[in-house]
Structure formats: C-alpha cells, structure tokens
N, C-alpha and C. Protein backbone atom coordinates (compact mmCIF):
# COMPACT_ATOMS: atom_id res chain seq x y z
N MET A 1 -10.75 -9.58 -11.23
CA MET A 1 -9.37 -9.81 -10.77
C MET A 1 -8.91 -8.62 -9.92
N THR A 2 -8.16 -8.93 -8.88
CA THR A 2 -7.62 -7.90 -8.00
C THR A 2 -6.30 -7.39 -8.56
N HIS A 3 -6.20 -6.10 -8.71
CA HIS A 3 -4.95 -5.47 -9.11
C HIS A 3 -4.46 -4.61 -7.95
N VAL A 4 -3.15 -4.56 -7.81
CA VAL A 4 -2.53 -3.93 -6.64
C VAL A 4 -1.68 -2.75 -7.08
N LEU A 5 -1.86 -1.64 -6.37
CA LEU A 5 -0.99 -0.48 -6.53
C LEU A 5 -0.12 -0.35 -5.28
N ILE A 6 1.19 -0.29 -5.49
CA ILE A 6 2.14 -0.15 -4.39
C ILE A 6 2.82 1.21 -4.52
N PRO A 7 2.38 2.21 -3.79
CA PRO A 7 3.05 3.52 -3.87
C PRO A 7 4.38 3.48 -3.15
N CYS A 8 5.39 4.11 -3.73
CA CYS A 8 6.72 4.10 -3.13
C CYS A 8 7.43 5.42 -3.40
N LYS A 9 7.75 6.14 -2.35
CA LYS A 9 8.53 7.36 -2.49
C LYS A 9 9.93 7.02 -3.02
N PRO A 10 10.66 8.02 -3.52
CA PRO A 10 12.07 7.79 -3.81
C PRO A 10 12.77 7.21 -2.58
N LEU A 11 13.61 6.21 -2.78
CA LEU A 11 14.18 5.49 -1.65
C LEU A 11 14.99 6.39 -0.73
N ASP A 12 15.57 7.45 -1.25
CA ASP A 12 16.35 8.37 -0.41
C ASP A 12 15.46 9.25 0.47
N CYS A 13 14.16 9.28 0.17
CA CYS A 13 13.26 10.18 0.89
C CYS A 13 12.33 9.46 1.86
N GLY A 14 12.29 8.16 1.80
CA GLY A 14 11.31 7.42 2.58
C GLY A 14 11.65 7.33 4.06
N LYS A 15 10.62 7.18 4.88
CA LYS A 15 10.74 6.91 6.30
C LYS A 15 11.58 7.95 7.04
N SER A 16 11.35 9.22 6.75
CA SER A 16 12.11 10.28 7.43
C SER A 16 11.83 10.32 8.92
N ARG A 17 10.66 9.83 9.34
CA ARG A 17 10.34 9.86 10.77
C ARG A 17 11.10 8.79 11.55
N LEU A 18 11.85 7.95 10.85
CA LEU A 18 12.69 6.98 11.54
C LEU A 18 14.11 7.51 11.77
N ALA A 19 14.30 8.82 11.60
CA ALA A 19 15.64 9.41 11.74
C ALA A 19 16.21 9.18 13.14
N GLY A 20 15.34 9.02 14.13
CA GLY A 20 15.83 8.76 15.48
C GLY A 20 16.38 7.36 15.66
N ALA A 21 16.14 6.48 14.71
CA ALA A 21 16.60 5.09 14.81
C ALA A 21 17.58 4.71 13.73
N LEU A 22 17.53 5.39 12.56
CA LEU A 22 18.37 5.01 11.43
C LEU A 22 18.93 6.25 10.76
N ASP A 23 20.18 6.16 10.28
CA ASP A 23 20.74 7.26 9.50
C ASP A 23 20.20 7.16 8.07
N PRO A 24 20.50 8.14 7.20
CA PRO A 24 19.93 8.12 5.84
C PRO A 24 20.21 6.84 5.07
N SER A 25 21.42 6.29 5.17
CA SER A 25 21.71 5.06 4.43
C SER A 25 20.91 3.89 5.01
N GLY A 26 20.72 3.89 6.32
CA GLY A 26 19.92 2.85 6.94
C GLY A 26 18.47 2.93 6.53
N ARG A 27 17.94 4.15 6.41
CA ARG A 27 16.54 4.30 5.99
C ARG A 27 16.38 3.88 4.53
N ARG A 28 17.36 4.20 3.71
CA ARG A 28 17.28 3.77 2.30
C ARG A 28 17.30 2.24 2.22
N TRP A 29 18.21 1.62 2.98
CA TRP A 29 18.28 0.15 3.00
C TRP A 29 16.94 -0.43 3.43
N LEU A 30 16.34 0.15 4.48
CA LEU A 30 15.07 -0.37 4.98
C LEU A 30 13.98 -0.24 3.93
N CYS A 31 13.91 0.92 3.28
CA CYS A 31 12.87 1.13 2.27
C CYS A 31 13.00 0.12 1.13
N GLU A 32 14.23 -0.13 0.68
CA GLU A 32 14.39 -1.10 -0.41
C GLU A 32 14.05 -2.50 0.06
N ARG A 33 14.43 -2.85 1.27
CA ARG A 33 14.08 -4.17 1.81
C ARG A 33 12.57 -4.34 1.87
N MET A 34 11.88 -3.31 2.38
CA MET A 34 10.43 -3.40 2.52
C MET A 34 9.75 -3.43 1.16
N LEU A 35 10.30 -2.68 0.20
CA LEU A 35 9.74 -2.72 -1.16
C LEU A 35 9.84 -4.12 -1.72
N ARG A 36 10.99 -4.77 -1.58
CA ARG A 36 11.17 -6.12 -2.10
C ARG A 36 10.22 -7.10 -1.42
N GLN A 37 10.06 -6.97 -0.10
CA GLN A 37 9.16 -7.86 0.62
C GLN A 37 7.72 -7.66 0.17
N THR A 38 7.33 -6.42 -0.03
CA THR A 38 5.96 -6.12 -0.44
C THR A 38 5.70 -6.63 -1.85
N LEU A 39 6.65 -6.44 -2.75
CA LEU A 39 6.51 -6.97 -4.11
C LEU A 39 6.37 -8.49 -4.09
N ALA A 40 7.18 -9.14 -3.26
CA ALA A 40 7.12 -10.59 -3.18
C ALA A 40 5.75 -11.07 -2.72
N ALA A 41 5.21 -10.41 -1.69
CA ALA A 41 3.90 -10.81 -1.15
C ALA A 41 2.79 -10.57 -2.17
N ALA A 42 2.80 -9.40 -2.82
CA ALA A 42 1.74 -9.08 -3.77
C ALA A 42 1.80 -9.99 -5.00
N ALA A 43 3.02 -10.22 -5.50
CA ALA A 43 3.16 -11.09 -6.68
C ALA A 43 2.75 -12.52 -6.36
N ALA A 44 3.07 -13.00 -5.16
CA ALA A 44 2.69 -14.35 -4.78
C ALA A 44 1.18 -14.47 -4.58
N ALA A 45 0.56 -13.40 -4.11
CA ALA A 45 -0.88 -13.43 -3.85
C ALA A 45 -1.70 -13.36 -5.13
N PHE A 46 -1.27 -12.51 -6.08
CA PHE A 46 -2.14 -12.23 -7.23
C PHE A 46 -1.47 -12.42 -8.59
N GLY A 47 -0.16 -12.58 -8.61
CA GLY A 47 0.57 -12.65 -9.87
C GLY A 47 1.21 -11.31 -10.19
N ALA A 48 2.46 -11.33 -10.64
CA ALA A 48 3.19 -10.09 -10.90
C ALA A 48 2.50 -9.20 -11.93
N GLU A 49 1.80 -9.82 -12.88
CA GLU A 49 1.14 -9.03 -13.93
C GLU A 49 -0.02 -8.21 -13.39
N GLN A 50 -0.46 -8.49 -12.17
CA GLN A 50 -1.57 -7.74 -11.59
C GLN A 50 -1.09 -6.73 -10.54
N VAL A 51 0.21 -6.47 -10.53
CA VAL A 51 0.80 -5.55 -9.56
C VAL A 51 1.49 -4.41 -10.30
N ARG A 52 1.33 -3.20 -9.79
CA ARG A 52 2.04 -2.03 -10.31
C ARG A 52 2.61 -1.25 -9.14
N VAL A 53 3.83 -0.77 -9.32
CA VAL A 53 4.42 0.17 -8.37
C VAL A 53 4.18 1.58 -8.90
N VAL A 54 3.88 2.50 -7.99
CA VAL A 54 3.67 3.90 -8.36
C VAL A 54 4.84 4.69 -7.76
N SER A 55 5.72 5.18 -8.63
CA SER A 55 6.93 5.83 -8.13
C SER A 55 7.58 6.66 -9.22
N ALA A 56 8.42 7.61 -8.77
CA ALA A 56 9.22 8.40 -9.71
C ALA A 56 10.70 8.04 -9.63
N ASP A 57 11.05 7.01 -8.85
CA ASP A 57 12.43 6.67 -8.55
C ASP A 57 12.95 5.60 -9.51
N ALA A 58 14.08 5.88 -10.15
CA ALA A 58 14.66 4.93 -11.10
C ALA A 58 15.06 3.63 -10.42
N GLN A 59 15.58 3.70 -9.19
CA GLN A 59 15.97 2.47 -8.50
C GLN A 59 14.74 1.63 -8.14
N VAL A 60 13.66 2.28 -7.79
CA VAL A 60 12.41 1.55 -7.53
C VAL A 60 11.98 0.81 -8.79
N ARG A 61 12.12 1.46 -9.94
CA ARG A 61 11.79 0.81 -11.21
C ARG A 61 12.64 -0.45 -11.42
N ARG A 62 13.93 -0.35 -11.11
CA ARG A 62 14.82 -1.50 -11.30
C ARG A 62 14.44 -2.65 -10.37
N VAL A 63 14.12 -2.31 -9.12
CA VAL A 63 13.71 -3.34 -8.18
C VAL A 63 12.42 -4.01 -8.65
N ALA A 64 11.44 -3.20 -9.07
CA ALA A 64 10.17 -3.76 -9.55
C ALA A 64 10.39 -4.68 -10.75
N ALA A 65 11.32 -4.30 -11.62
CA ALA A 65 11.58 -5.11 -12.82
C ALA A 65 12.11 -6.50 -12.46
N THR A 66 12.84 -6.61 -11.35
CA THR A 66 13.35 -7.93 -10.96
C THR A 66 12.22 -8.87 -10.58
N TRP A 67 11.05 -8.33 -10.25
CA TRP A 67 9.89 -9.15 -9.92
C TRP A 67 8.93 -9.25 -11.09
N GLY A 68 9.28 -8.63 -12.22
CA GLY A 68 8.38 -8.64 -13.36
C GLY A 68 7.18 -7.74 -13.17
N VAL A 69 7.33 -6.73 -12.32
CA VAL A 69 6.24 -5.82 -11.99
C VAL A 69 6.41 -4.49 -12.72
N GLY A 70 5.33 -4.01 -13.30
CA GLY A 70 5.38 -2.74 -14.01
C GLY A 70 5.33 -1.56 -13.06
N VAL A 71 5.68 -0.39 -13.58
CA VAL A 71 5.71 0.84 -12.80
C VAL A 71 4.88 1.91 -13.49
N ILE A 72 4.06 2.59 -12.72
CA ILE A 72 3.33 3.77 -13.20
C ILE A 72 4.04 4.99 -12.64
N ASP A 73 4.47 5.86 -13.49
CA ASP A 73 5.27 7.01 -13.07
C ASP A 73 4.46 7.97 -12.22
N ASP A 74 5.05 8.40 -11.12
CA ASP A 74 4.44 9.41 -10.25
C ASP A 74 4.91 10.78 -10.71
N ARG A 75 4.03 11.49 -11.38
CA ARG A 75 4.37 12.82 -11.87
C ARG A 75 3.92 13.93 -10.93
N THR A 76 3.22 13.56 -9.85
CA THR A 76 2.64 14.57 -8.97
C THR A 76 3.44 14.78 -7.70
N HIS A 77 4.18 13.75 -7.25
CA HIS A 77 4.89 13.77 -5.97
C HIS A 77 3.93 14.05 -4.82
N ASP A 78 2.71 13.66 -5.01
CA ASP A 78 1.66 13.74 -3.98
C ASP A 78 0.97 12.39 -3.96
N LEU A 79 0.93 11.73 -2.81
CA LEU A 79 0.45 10.36 -2.74
C LEU A 79 -0.96 10.22 -3.29
N ASN A 80 -1.87 11.06 -2.84
CA ASN A 80 -3.26 10.92 -3.28
C ASN A 80 -3.42 11.22 -4.76
N GLY A 81 -2.71 12.22 -5.24
CA GLY A 81 -2.76 12.53 -6.67
C GLY A 81 -2.14 11.41 -7.50
N ALA A 82 -1.02 10.87 -7.02
CA ALA A 82 -0.37 9.79 -7.75
C ALA A 82 -1.26 8.55 -7.82
N LEU A 83 -1.95 8.23 -6.72
CA LEU A 83 -2.85 7.08 -6.73
C LEU A 83 -4.04 7.32 -7.64
N GLY A 84 -4.55 8.55 -7.65
CA GLY A 84 -5.65 8.86 -8.55
C GLY A 84 -5.26 8.68 -10.01
N ASN A 85 -4.07 9.15 -10.37
CA ASN A 85 -3.60 8.98 -11.74
C ASN A 85 -3.38 7.51 -12.08
N ALA A 86 -2.81 6.76 -11.12
CA ALA A 86 -2.55 5.33 -11.37
C ALA A 86 -3.86 4.56 -11.51
N ARG A 87 -4.84 4.91 -10.71
CA ARG A 87 -6.16 4.26 -10.83
C ARG A 87 -6.73 4.51 -12.23
N HIS A 88 -6.65 5.74 -12.70
CA HIS A 88 -7.17 6.05 -14.03
C HIS A 88 -6.44 5.23 -15.10
N GLU A 89 -5.12 5.09 -14.95
CA GLU A 89 -4.34 4.32 -15.91
C GLU A 89 -4.78 2.86 -15.93
N LEU A 90 -5.00 2.28 -14.77
CA LEU A 90 -5.44 0.88 -14.72
C LEU A 90 -6.83 0.73 -15.33
N GLN A 91 -7.74 1.63 -14.98
CA GLN A 91 -9.10 1.52 -15.51
C GLN A 91 -9.14 1.71 -17.01
N ARG A 92 -8.20 2.49 -17.53
CA ARG A 92 -8.14 2.74 -18.97
C ARG A 92 -7.57 1.56 -19.73
N THR A 93 -6.67 0.81 -19.10
CA THR A 93 -5.92 -0.21 -19.84
C THR A 93 -6.25 -1.65 -19.47
N ILE A 94 -6.95 -1.88 -18.37
CA ILE A 94 -7.18 -3.25 -17.91
C ILE A 94 -8.67 -3.54 -17.87
N ALA A 95 -9.12 -4.39 -18.77
CA ALA A 95 -10.54 -4.71 -18.85
C ALA A 95 -10.98 -5.65 -17.74
N THR A 96 -10.03 -6.40 -17.15
CA THR A 96 -10.38 -7.41 -16.15
C THR A 96 -10.32 -6.89 -14.72
N LEU A 97 -10.16 -5.59 -14.54
CA LEU A 97 -10.07 -5.02 -13.20
C LEU A 97 -11.41 -5.17 -12.48
N THR A 98 -11.42 -5.91 -11.38
CA THR A 98 -12.63 -6.03 -10.56
C THR A 98 -12.44 -5.44 -9.18
N ARG A 99 -11.21 -5.50 -8.65
CA ARG A 99 -10.92 -4.92 -7.36
C ARG A 99 -9.57 -4.23 -7.42
N LEU A 100 -9.46 -3.12 -6.69
CA LEU A 100 -8.21 -2.35 -6.64
C LEU A 100 -7.74 -2.30 -5.20
N MET A 101 -6.51 -2.74 -4.98
CA MET A 101 -5.92 -2.75 -3.64
C MET A 101 -4.77 -1.76 -3.59
N ILE A 102 -4.72 -0.96 -2.53
CA ILE A 102 -3.62 -0.04 -2.29
C ILE A 102 -2.79 -0.63 -1.16
N LEU A 103 -1.54 -0.95 -1.46
CA LEU A 103 -0.68 -1.67 -0.52
C LEU A 103 0.61 -0.87 -0.29
N PRO A 104 0.79 -0.25 0.88
CA PRO A 104 2.03 0.46 1.17
C PRO A 104 3.17 -0.51 1.44
N ILE A 105 4.40 0.00 1.45
CA ILE A 105 5.55 -0.88 1.60
C ILE A 105 5.99 -1.06 3.05
N ASP A 106 5.35 -0.37 4.00
CA ASP A 106 5.87 -0.37 5.37
C ASP A 106 5.13 -1.30 6.31
N LEU A 107 4.57 -2.40 5.77
CA LEU A 107 3.88 -3.39 6.60
C LEU A 107 4.78 -4.63 6.68
N PRO A 108 5.61 -4.74 7.70
CA PRO A 108 6.65 -5.78 7.70
C PRO A 108 6.12 -7.20 7.87
N TYR A 109 4.87 -7.35 8.30
CA TYR A 109 4.32 -8.69 8.51
C TYR A 109 3.31 -9.07 7.44
N VAL A 110 3.32 -8.38 6.33
CA VAL A 110 2.39 -8.71 5.25
C VAL A 110 2.74 -10.07 4.66
N GLU A 111 1.70 -10.84 4.32
CA GLU A 111 1.88 -12.16 3.72
C GLU A 111 0.84 -12.35 2.62
N PRO A 112 1.14 -13.18 1.63
CA PRO A 112 0.18 -13.39 0.53
C PRO A 112 -1.19 -13.84 1.01
N VAL A 113 -1.23 -14.73 2.00
CA VAL A 113 -2.53 -15.25 2.45
C VAL A 113 -3.40 -14.14 3.05
N ILE A 114 -2.77 -13.17 3.70
CA ILE A 114 -3.54 -12.05 4.26
C ILE A 114 -4.11 -11.20 3.14
N LEU A 115 -3.30 -10.94 2.12
CA LEU A 115 -3.76 -10.12 1.00
C LEU A 115 -4.92 -10.79 0.29
N ARG A 116 -4.82 -12.09 0.08
CA ARG A 116 -5.93 -12.80 -0.56
C ARG A 116 -7.19 -12.77 0.30
N ARG A 117 -7.02 -12.83 1.61
CA ARG A 117 -8.17 -12.75 2.50
C ARG A 117 -8.87 -11.40 2.36
N VAL A 118 -8.11 -10.32 2.32
CA VAL A 118 -8.71 -8.99 2.15
C VAL A 118 -9.43 -8.90 0.82
N ALA A 119 -8.80 -9.38 -0.24
CA ALA A 119 -9.40 -9.31 -1.57
C ALA A 119 -10.67 -10.13 -1.66
N ALA A 120 -10.79 -11.17 -0.84
CA ALA A 120 -11.97 -12.04 -0.89
C ALA A 120 -13.17 -11.46 -0.17
N GLU A 121 -12.99 -10.39 0.59
CA GLU A 121 -14.13 -9.76 1.26
C GLU A 121 -15.14 -9.28 0.22
N GLN A 122 -16.41 -9.43 0.54
CA GLN A 122 -17.47 -9.11 -0.43
C GLN A 122 -17.84 -7.63 -0.46
N ALA A 123 -17.44 -6.87 0.55
CA ALA A 123 -17.82 -5.46 0.62
C ALA A 123 -17.18 -4.68 -0.53
N ALA A 124 -17.87 -3.62 -0.95
CA ALA A 124 -17.35 -2.78 -2.03
C ALA A 124 -16.10 -2.03 -1.60
N VAL A 125 -15.99 -1.74 -0.30
CA VAL A 125 -14.81 -1.06 0.25
C VAL A 125 -14.37 -1.83 1.49
N VAL A 126 -13.10 -2.19 1.52
CA VAL A 126 -12.52 -2.85 2.69
C VAL A 126 -11.38 -1.98 3.19
N ILE A 127 -11.41 -1.64 4.48
CA ILE A 127 -10.37 -0.81 5.08
C ILE A 127 -9.72 -1.60 6.21
N VAL A 128 -8.39 -1.66 6.17
CA VAL A 128 -7.62 -2.26 7.26
C VAL A 128 -6.92 -1.11 7.98
N PRO A 129 -7.34 -0.79 9.21
CA PRO A 129 -6.74 0.35 9.92
C PRO A 129 -5.41 -0.01 10.58
N ASP A 130 -4.69 1.02 10.97
CA ASP A 130 -3.49 0.80 11.78
C ASP A 130 -3.88 0.55 13.23
N ARG A 131 -2.89 0.41 14.09
CA ARG A 131 -3.16 0.05 15.48
C ARG A 131 -3.96 1.10 16.23
N LYS A 132 -3.85 2.35 15.81
CA LYS A 132 -4.54 3.44 16.50
C LYS A 132 -5.88 3.79 15.84
N PHE A 133 -6.26 3.07 14.81
CA PHE A 133 -7.46 3.39 14.04
C PHE A 133 -7.40 4.84 13.55
N ASP A 134 -6.20 5.24 13.14
CA ASP A 134 -6.00 6.58 12.58
C ASP A 134 -5.65 6.48 11.10
N GLY A 135 -4.67 5.64 10.76
CA GLY A 135 -4.24 5.51 9.38
C GLY A 135 -4.91 4.35 8.67
N THR A 136 -4.77 4.34 7.35
CA THR A 136 -5.28 3.24 6.52
C THR A 136 -4.09 2.42 6.06
N ASN A 137 -3.93 1.22 6.59
CA ASN A 137 -2.79 0.39 6.23
C ASN A 137 -3.03 -0.44 4.98
N LEU A 138 -4.28 -0.71 4.68
CA LEU A 138 -4.61 -1.42 3.44
C LEU A 138 -6.02 -0.99 3.04
N LEU A 139 -6.19 -0.77 1.75
CA LEU A 139 -7.48 -0.35 1.21
C LEU A 139 -7.78 -1.19 -0.01
N CYS A 140 -8.99 -1.73 -0.08
CA CYS A 140 -9.39 -2.54 -1.23
C CYS A 140 -10.78 -2.09 -1.66
N VAL A 141 -10.93 -1.71 -2.92
CA VAL A 141 -12.17 -1.13 -3.43
C VAL A 141 -12.56 -1.83 -4.71
N ASP A 142 -13.86 -2.15 -4.86
CA ASP A 142 -14.26 -2.80 -6.10
C ASP A 142 -14.23 -1.80 -7.25
N ALA A 143 -14.22 -2.32 -8.47
CA ALA A 143 -13.98 -1.48 -9.64
C ALA A 143 -15.04 -0.40 -9.79
N ARG A 144 -16.28 -0.73 -9.50
CA ARG A 144 -17.35 0.26 -9.66
C ARG A 144 -17.17 1.42 -8.70
N THR A 145 -16.84 1.12 -7.45
CA THR A 145 -16.66 2.17 -6.45
C THR A 145 -15.35 2.92 -6.66
N ALA A 146 -14.34 2.21 -7.14
CA ALA A 146 -13.02 2.82 -7.31
C ALA A 146 -13.04 4.01 -8.24
N ALA A 147 -13.96 4.02 -9.19
CA ALA A 147 -13.99 5.10 -10.17
C ALA A 147 -14.20 6.46 -9.53
N SER A 148 -14.91 6.50 -8.40
CA SER A 148 -15.21 7.78 -7.78
C SER A 148 -14.71 7.88 -6.34
N PHE A 149 -14.00 6.86 -5.87
CA PHE A 149 -13.55 6.86 -4.48
C PHE A 149 -12.39 7.84 -4.30
N PRO A 150 -12.50 8.81 -3.37
CA PRO A 150 -11.42 9.78 -3.18
C PRO A 150 -10.35 9.24 -2.22
N PHE A 151 -9.13 9.16 -2.69
CA PHE A 151 -8.03 8.76 -1.81
C PHE A 151 -7.73 9.91 -0.86
N ALA A 152 -7.54 9.57 0.41
CA ALA A 152 -7.36 10.60 1.44
C ALA A 152 -6.27 10.18 2.43
N TYR A 153 -5.13 9.75 1.90
CA TYR A 153 -4.04 9.35 2.78
C TYR A 153 -3.44 10.58 3.45
N GLY A 154 -2.98 10.37 4.68
CA GLY A 154 -2.49 11.45 5.51
C GLY A 154 -3.09 11.30 6.90
N PRO A 155 -3.03 12.34 7.73
CA PRO A 155 -3.60 12.24 9.07
C PRO A 155 -5.08 11.87 9.03
N ARG A 156 -5.48 10.94 9.89
CA ARG A 156 -6.86 10.49 10.04
C ARG A 156 -7.42 9.87 8.75
N SER A 157 -6.56 9.21 7.99
CA SER A 157 -7.04 8.66 6.72
C SER A 157 -8.08 7.57 6.92
N PHE A 158 -8.00 6.83 8.03
CA PHE A 158 -9.03 5.82 8.27
C PHE A 158 -10.40 6.45 8.35
N GLN A 159 -10.52 7.52 9.13
CA GLN A 159 -11.81 8.20 9.24
C GLN A 159 -12.24 8.81 7.91
N HIS A 160 -11.29 9.38 7.19
CA HIS A 160 -11.62 9.99 5.89
C HIS A 160 -12.10 8.93 4.89
N HIS A 161 -11.43 7.81 4.84
CA HIS A 161 -11.85 6.76 3.89
C HIS A 161 -13.17 6.13 4.30
N PHE A 162 -13.38 5.96 5.59
CA PHE A 162 -14.66 5.44 6.07
C PHE A 162 -15.79 6.39 5.66
N GLY A 163 -15.58 7.69 5.90
CA GLY A 163 -16.59 8.67 5.54
C GLY A 163 -16.83 8.75 4.04
N ALA A 164 -15.77 8.61 3.26
CA ALA A 164 -15.91 8.65 1.80
C ALA A 164 -16.76 7.51 1.30
N ALA A 165 -16.55 6.33 1.88
CA ALA A 165 -17.37 5.17 1.48
C ALA A 165 -18.84 5.42 1.81
N ARG A 166 -19.11 5.93 3.00
CA ARG A 166 -20.50 6.16 3.38
C ARG A 166 -21.17 7.20 2.48
N ARG A 167 -20.41 8.21 2.09
CA ARG A 167 -20.98 9.24 1.19
C ARG A 167 -21.30 8.68 -0.19
N LEU A 168 -20.63 7.58 -0.55
CA LEU A 168 -20.92 6.92 -1.82
C LEU A 168 -22.02 5.87 -1.67
N GLY A 169 -22.60 5.81 -0.49
CA GLY A 169 -23.68 4.86 -0.25
C GLY A 169 -23.20 3.45 0.05
N VAL A 170 -21.96 3.32 0.47
CA VAL A 170 -21.35 2.01 0.73
C VAL A 170 -21.06 1.87 2.22
N THR A 171 -21.36 0.71 2.78
CA THR A 171 -20.96 0.40 4.15
C THR A 171 -19.64 -0.34 4.09
N PRO A 172 -18.55 0.28 4.50
CA PRO A 172 -17.25 -0.38 4.35
C PRO A 172 -17.06 -1.50 5.36
N ALA A 173 -16.33 -2.53 4.96
CA ALA A 173 -15.93 -3.59 5.87
C ALA A 173 -14.62 -3.16 6.53
N ILE A 174 -14.59 -3.23 7.86
CA ILE A 174 -13.38 -2.88 8.61
C ILE A 174 -12.74 -4.19 9.05
N LEU A 175 -11.58 -4.47 8.51
CA LEU A 175 -10.89 -5.72 8.81
C LEU A 175 -9.71 -5.42 9.74
N VAL A 176 -9.80 -5.91 10.96
CA VAL A 176 -8.74 -5.68 11.94
C VAL A 176 -7.84 -6.91 11.97
N ASP A 177 -6.58 -6.71 11.62
CA ASP A 177 -5.61 -7.80 11.59
C ASP A 177 -4.32 -7.28 12.22
N GLN A 178 -3.85 -7.93 13.26
CA GLN A 178 -2.68 -7.44 13.98
C GLN A 178 -1.45 -7.36 13.09
N ARG A 179 -1.34 -8.27 12.13
CA ARG A 179 -0.17 -8.25 11.26
C ARG A 179 -0.20 -7.05 10.32
N LEU A 180 -1.35 -6.76 9.76
CA LEU A 180 -1.45 -5.61 8.86
C LEU A 180 -1.55 -4.29 9.62
N ALA A 181 -1.96 -4.33 10.88
CA ALA A 181 -2.09 -3.10 11.66
C ALA A 181 -0.73 -2.53 12.06
N PHE A 182 0.29 -3.37 12.03
CA PHE A 182 1.62 -2.93 12.45
C PHE A 182 2.37 -2.35 11.25
N ASP A 183 2.71 -1.07 11.34
CA ASP A 183 3.51 -0.44 10.28
C ASP A 183 4.76 0.19 10.89
N LEU A 184 5.77 0.32 10.06
CA LEU A 184 7.03 0.92 10.50
C LEU A 184 6.95 2.42 10.26
N ASP A 185 6.47 3.12 11.27
CA ASP A 185 6.21 4.54 11.12
C ASP A 185 7.11 5.39 12.01
N LEU A 186 7.37 4.92 13.23
CA LEU A 186 8.12 5.68 14.22
C LEU A 186 9.30 4.85 14.73
N PRO A 187 10.30 5.50 15.36
CA PRO A 187 11.45 4.75 15.85
C PRO A 187 11.10 3.58 16.75
N ASP A 188 10.10 3.72 17.62
CA ASP A 188 9.71 2.61 18.49
C ASP A 188 9.18 1.42 17.68
N ASP A 189 8.49 1.71 16.57
CA ASP A 189 8.02 0.63 15.70
C ASP A 189 9.20 -0.13 15.13
N TYR A 190 10.20 0.61 14.67
CA TYR A 190 11.38 -0.02 14.08
C TYR A 190 12.10 -0.89 15.11
N ARG A 191 12.27 -0.35 16.32
CA ARG A 191 12.97 -1.11 17.37
C ARG A 191 12.21 -2.39 17.71
N GLN A 192 10.89 -2.29 17.79
CA GLN A 192 10.08 -3.48 18.11
C GLN A 192 10.21 -4.53 17.01
N TRP A 193 10.16 -4.08 15.76
CA TRP A 193 10.29 -5.01 14.64
C TRP A 193 11.69 -5.60 14.60
N ALA A 194 12.72 -4.78 14.82
CA ALA A 194 14.10 -5.27 14.77
C ALA A 194 14.34 -6.31 15.86
N GLU A 195 13.76 -6.11 17.03
CA GLU A 195 13.89 -7.09 18.11
C GLU A 195 13.21 -8.41 17.72
N HIS A 196 12.06 -8.30 17.05
CA HIS A 196 11.36 -9.50 16.60
C HIS A 196 12.17 -10.26 15.56
N VAL A 197 12.77 -9.52 14.62
CA VAL A 197 13.58 -10.15 13.58
C VAL A 197 14.81 -10.83 14.20
N ALA A 198 15.43 -10.15 15.17
CA ALA A 198 16.61 -10.70 15.82
C ALA A 198 16.27 -11.97 16.59
N ALA A 199 15.09 -11.99 17.20
CA ALA A 199 14.68 -13.15 17.98
C ALA A 199 14.41 -14.35 17.08
C-alpha cells in the first residue's frame, strides 16, 4: 500500500518567496488553500488513513483533522530531518507500507489520478522533477529502498535524489508530467496560476 507524507511548514512561514506577489495574510491564505487541495487529492487517491501531514503547526493539524488525516509532529524544523523522522514512524507502525510518497503542498494542478499513476510505476524510486529539472516535485520510493534513501530537498534536489538512487543500486524512473512539474515557487508562478484560475 502507498502511504503519503505531506510536509507543511507553519502557515505563517510558508511561501516567503512569493512576497513580491502576496502580503503575509495572502501567503497564509494560499498555503492553507494548497494544503486543503493536497489533502483532498491524496485522500481521494489512496484513502485518508494512508496519508500523514508532517508539521509543527496547530492550524495545520486542525485542517488535517477535517480530512481525517493524521499528523506527525515536526520536531526538527528541517525538511529533510522531519521527513526522515516521519519515515521511521511509518515504518515502525505500519506493517502494510509498500511504497512511500512525498507530496508537497505547492503543486496546484495535482489530481488523484496523477498520484495513482506515479504510485503504479514499478521502479523502486520514482522522481517527478520540476520544470527546470532542478527540484523534486514528487518522490515515490518502495518500502525496501525507503529504509536507507537519503532525503535531499533543497537546491538541485532532483540531481541529489537521482544520484542517491544510483548509489543504492537503483535506476530511478523519471516521470515528466506538466501538471506536477508546475509548482508555486516564485511570483511569476503565482501570477500564471492566478490567471489560469481566473480564466
């Protein structure tokens, strides 16, 4: 069974690079909207019981609860460390874990059918890159590989995750999907998405 980890910063801290397009209240609104959309897609794709949010924010916990989704507390305030701890928690408590998916909240065109397509890939590691082939917009790892796979989110994470898979003796599947490649990272991204929504 595929289980999903959705990392989420405190809503007041998210998407700081969108300051050129949104004020703090606007960025908080956007983060909560995207969190709700991501929860909806993941729960529809795999079932709410197979989804966990990784966060230290009380409001994020309340939003997750409305979808019946559990929360793993982020005690590190470091994305890679938080995901490592959450992975350990899932492996310790879930006997049916076969695949682990890392799903960020800033993919505005994510849909359940796309998530199921990624999970259905047979490769031990599946990486969905961003438009520049720099970041990792979606990562899916089988349970055996997940135990030792090093999370490397940050600059050049696509290259880091690709290299990590190869060092583990795995040839990763690279899935290019225009919908998943688009993330809300910079003001121009937000403006493009807002124009699409308005249309």
